[in-house]
Amino acid sequence: MSESTTAETTAAEVSSEYLADIRLRVRSSVNKLDGEIEDLILAARADLVRGGVLPARAADESDPLIKQAVSTYVKAEFGLDNEDADKYRASYKSQKIALSMASDYIESPEEV
């Protein structure tokens, strides 16, 4: 399996623990919306990669900065009547820019 295929596979998987944590962050106590939340997690990861973050870093469920960016993205896009969407979008944009400028997130360890 190539390196890019491995990263794509990893990015397409969301652990149940990570999903549960993001669900709590959007203040949802039911799992019937897990499909929407999981789609938003994957969209956030893809957006981070598009912004220059390494795929493996964007998919790292243990990284607190990635988790914060992902949860902020989900908060911005989750639901229909989200009065705080613009505030969360602005916050996510700032987080994405910061991550895309940090060498730990845009360069492979052997390049650093």
Protein backbone atom coordinates (compact mmCIF):
# COMPACT_ATOMS: atom_id res chain seq x y z
CA MET A 1 0.00 0.00 0.00
CA SER A 2 1.44 3.39 -0.96
CA GLU A 3 2.00 6.14 1.59
CA SER A 4 -0.81 8.30 0.15
CA THR A 5 -3.23 5.36 0.14
CA THR A 6 -2.41 4.66 3.78
CA ALA A 7 -3.04 8.30 4.70
CA GLU A 8 -6.32 8.31 2.77
CA THR A 9 -7.48 5.14 4.51
CA THR A 10 -6.57 6.55 7.91
CA ALA A 11 -8.32 9.84 7.17
CA ALA A 12 -11.49 7.98 6.18
CA GLU A 13 -11.76 6.21 9.52
CA VAL A 14 -13.20 7.81 12.65
CA SER A 15 -12.92 5.84 15.87
CA SER A 16 -16.02 5.46 18.01
CA GLU A 17 -14.23 7.21 20.91
CA TYR A 18 -13.34 10.21 18.75
CA LEU A 19 -16.88 10.39 17.38
CA ALA A 20 -18.30 10.27 20.92
CA ASP A 21 -15.96 13.06 22.04
CA ILE A 22 -16.89 15.31 19.11
CA ARG A 23 -20.59 14.52 19.72
CA LEU A 24 -20.19 15.81 23.29
CA ARG A 25 -18.45 18.93 22.03
CA VAL A 26 -21.48 19.80 19.87
CA ARG A 27 -23.71 19.12 22.88
CA SER A 28 -25.49 16.17 21.30
CA SER A 29 -26.47 13.30 23.57
CA VAL A 30 -28.05 11.10 20.91
CA ASN A 31 -26.23 9.00 18.37
CA LYS A 32 -28.85 9.19 15.62
CA LEU A 33 -26.92 12.16 14.18
CA ASP A 34 -23.57 10.34 14.22
CA GLY A 35 -23.61 9.98 10.43
CA GLU A 36 -23.73 13.75 9.99
CA ILE A 37 -21.07 14.30 12.65
CA GLU A 38 -18.78 11.70 11.11
CA ASP A 39 -19.18 13.28 7.66
CA LEU A 40 -18.26 16.67 9.15
CA ILE A 41 -15.19 15.19 10.86
CA LEU A 42 -14.03 13.78 7.53
CA ALA A 43 -14.76 17.09 5.80
CA ALA A 44 -12.72 18.95 8.42
CA ARG A 45 -9.79 16.59 7.94
CA ALA A 46 -9.99 17.00 4.15
CA ASP A 47 -10.10 20.78 4.53
CA LEU A 48 -7.04 20.74 6.78
CA VAL A 49 -5.18 18.65 4.19
CA ARG A 50 -6.28 21.04 1.45
CA GLY A 51 -4.83 23.83 3.60
CA GLY A 52 -1.44 22.12 3.69
CA VAL A 53 -1.60 19.90 6.79
CA LEU A 54 -0.13 16.45 6.25
CA PRO A 55 -2.88 13.81 5.88
CA ALA A 56 -1.47 11.71 8.72
CA ARG A 57 -1.44 14.75 11.02
CA ALA A 58 -4.99 15.76 10.04
CA ALA A 59 -6.17 12.24 10.90
CA ASP A 60 -4.29 12.10 14.23
CA GLU A 61 -7.07 11.63 16.78
CA SER A 62 -4.68 12.10 19.71
CA ASP A 63 -3.43 15.54 18.66
CA PRO A 64 -5.16 18.22 20.74
CA LEU A 65 -4.71 21.00 18.17
CA ILE A 66 -6.17 18.87 15.39
CA LYS A 67 -9.05 17.79 17.64
CA GLN A 68 -9.80 21.41 18.53
CA ALA A 69 -9.79 22.45 14.86
CA VAL A 70 -11.98 19.50 13.86
CA SER A 71 -14.47 20.13 16.67
CA THR A 72 -14.64 23.84 15.80
CA TYR A 73 -15.35 22.95 12.16
CA VAL A 74 -18.07 20.53 13.24
CA LYS A 75 -19.60 23.15 15.54
CA ALA A 76 -19.70 25.62 12.65
CA GLU A 77 -21.39 23.25 10.22
CA PHE A 78 -23.57 21.08 12.48
CA GLY A 79 -27.32 21.53 12.39
CA LEU A 80 -29.57 23.91 10.51
CA ASP A 81 -30.28 26.78 12.91
CA ASN A 82 -26.79 27.52 14.12
CA GLU A 83 -26.65 31.13 15.31
CA ASP A 84 -22.94 30.81 16.14
CA ALA A 85 -21.86 29.35 12.79
CA ASP A 86 -20.02 32.45 11.60
CA LYS A 87 -18.14 32.76 14.89
CA TYR A 88 -17.04 29.12 14.72
CA ARG A 89 -16.10 29.40 11.03
CA ALA A 90 -13.85 32.37 11.80
CA SER A 91 -12.27 30.47 14.70
CA TYR A 92 -11.71 27.38 12.55
CA LYS A 93 -10.15 29.47 9.79
CA SER A 94 -7.65 30.93 12.28
CA GLN A 95 -6.83 27.47 13.62
CA LYS A 96 -6.36 26.08 10.10
CA ILE A 97 -4.03 28.93 9.15
CA ALA A 98 -1.96 28.39 12.31
CA LEU A 99 -1.69 24.65 11.63
CA SER A 100 -0.77 25.23 7.98
CA MET A 101 2.12 27.46 9.09
CA ALA A 102 3.52 25.09 11.73
CA SER A 103 6.37 22.94 10.45
CA ASP A 104 5.27 20.01 12.65
CA TYR A 105 2.03 19.83 10.67
CA ILE A 106 3.23 20.47 7.11
CA GLU A 107 6.55 18.65 6.88
CA SER A 108 7.38 15.00 7.28
CA PRO A 109 9.63 14.29 10.30
CA GLU A 110 12.52 13.37 7.99
CA GLU A 111 12.20 16.76 6.24
CA VAL A 112 12.47 18.73 9.51
